[in-house]
Amino acid sequence: MSPLALLNLGPWEIALILVLALLLFGGKKLPSLAKDLGSGIKEFRKSLSSSGEDDPPPPPPTQITTPEPEPEIKKESPKSKKKS
């Protein structure tokens, strides 16, 4: 069943709608409006059917590296001189 059958539109009603659209938008604007509408419907259907297949894969997880601690340098305390 077509969408037009639900609205019960005959050929005269469709012609009247087209003439009104032509009067409202003008002859130069109608082709671009139809093209934009068609591409919008196409993108909508594509997004419904693909359900995320075209999404790029997530980036690989980054590995967090911690810097190695510097070796500790032991400072010797000054030796006290023994007086004898």
Protein backbone atom coordinates (compact mmCIF):
# COMPACT_ATOMS: atom_id res chain seq x y z
CA MET A 1 0.00 0.00 0.00
CA SER A 2 1.52 3.31 -1.03
CA PRO A 3 1.66 6.34 1.27
CA LEU A 4 -0.55 8.31 -1.13
CA ALA A 5 -3.30 5.68 -0.78
CA LEU A 6 -3.50 6.42 2.94
CA LEU A 7 -4.15 10.09 2.21
CA ASN A 8 -6.59 9.22 -0.60
CA LEU A 9 -5.15 11.86 -2.94
CA GLY A 10 -6.25 11.89 -6.54
CA PRO A 11 -4.41 13.39 -9.52
CA TRP A 12 -6.14 16.77 -9.14
CA GLU A 13 -5.14 17.08 -5.50
CA ILE A 14 -1.52 16.19 -6.30
CA ALA A 15 -1.48 18.74 -9.16
CA LEU A 16 -2.90 21.40 -6.83
CA ILE A 17 -0.19 20.69 -4.23
CA LEU A 18 2.54 20.92 -6.90
CA VAL A 19 1.17 24.24 -8.22
CA LEU A 20 1.03 25.66 -4.69
CA ALA A 21 4.61 24.56 -4.06
CA LEU A 22 5.66 26.21 -7.31
CA LEU A 23 3.95 29.45 -6.29
CA LEU A 24 5.40 29.40 -2.78
CA PHE A 25 9.01 28.54 -3.57
CA GLY A 26 9.46 29.58 -7.19
CA GLY A 27 10.77 27.65 -10.15
CA LYS A 28 14.46 28.18 -9.37
CA LYS A 29 14.24 26.98 -5.78
CA LEU A 30 12.15 23.81 -6.34
CA PRO A 31 14.90 21.61 -7.90
CA SER A 32 17.31 22.32 -5.06
CA LEU A 33 14.59 21.69 -2.46
CA ALA A 34 13.71 18.37 -4.10
CA LYS A 35 17.39 17.39 -4.26
CA ASP A 36 17.93 18.24 -0.59
CA LEU A 37 14.80 16.35 0.41
CA GLY A 38 15.86 13.31 -1.61
CA SER A 39 19.38 13.28 -0.15
CA GLY A 40 17.97 13.66 3.36
CA ILE A 41 15.64 10.69 2.88
CA LYS A 42 18.51 8.66 1.38
CA GLU A 43 20.79 9.39 4.36
CA PHE A 44 17.98 8.55 6.79
CA ARG A 45 17.34 5.18 5.16
CA LYS A 46 21.06 4.47 5.00
CA SER A 47 21.45 5.15 8.71
CA LEU A 48 18.50 2.89 9.53
CA SER A 49 19.77 -0.02 7.46
CA SER A 50 23.46 0.16 8.38
CA SER A 51 22.91 0.37 12.16
CA GLY A 52 26.49 1.41 12.84
CA GLU A 53 28.37 -0.71 10.29
CA ASP A 54 29.99 2.35 8.73
CA ASP A 55 31.32 3.69 12.00
CA PRO A 56 35.11 3.84 12.08
CA PRO A 57 36.72 1.43 14.52
CA PRO A 58 37.69 2.94 17.86
CA PRO A 59 41.32 3.94 18.24
CA PRO A 60 43.56 1.41 19.95
CA PRO A 61 43.99 1.96 23.67
CA THR A 62 46.99 4.03 24.58
CA GLN A 63 49.47 2.52 26.93
CA ILE A 64 50.37 4.73 29.84
CA THR A 65 54.01 4.42 30.76
CA THR A 66 55.40 5.75 33.97
CA PRO A 67 58.95 7.02 33.97
CA GLU A 68 61.42 4.83 35.75
CA PRO A 69 62.56 6.29 39.05
CA GLU A 70 66.08 7.60 39.05
CA PRO A 71 68.50 5.58 41.14
CA GLU A 72 69.11 7.09 44.51
CA ILE A 73 72.60 8.37 45.15
CA LYS A 74 73.58 7.78 48.73
CA LYS A 75 75.38 10.70 50.15
CA GLU A 76 77.87 9.85 52.77
CA SER A 77 77.83 12.03 55.77
CA PRO A 78 81.16 13.65 56.54
CA LYS A 79 83.15 11.46 58.86
CA SER A 80 83.99 13.03 62.08
CA LYS A 81 87.67 13.01 62.77
CA LYS A 82 88.68 11.36 65.96
CA LYS A 83 91.19 13.22 68.00
CA SER A 84 93.34 11.04 70.14
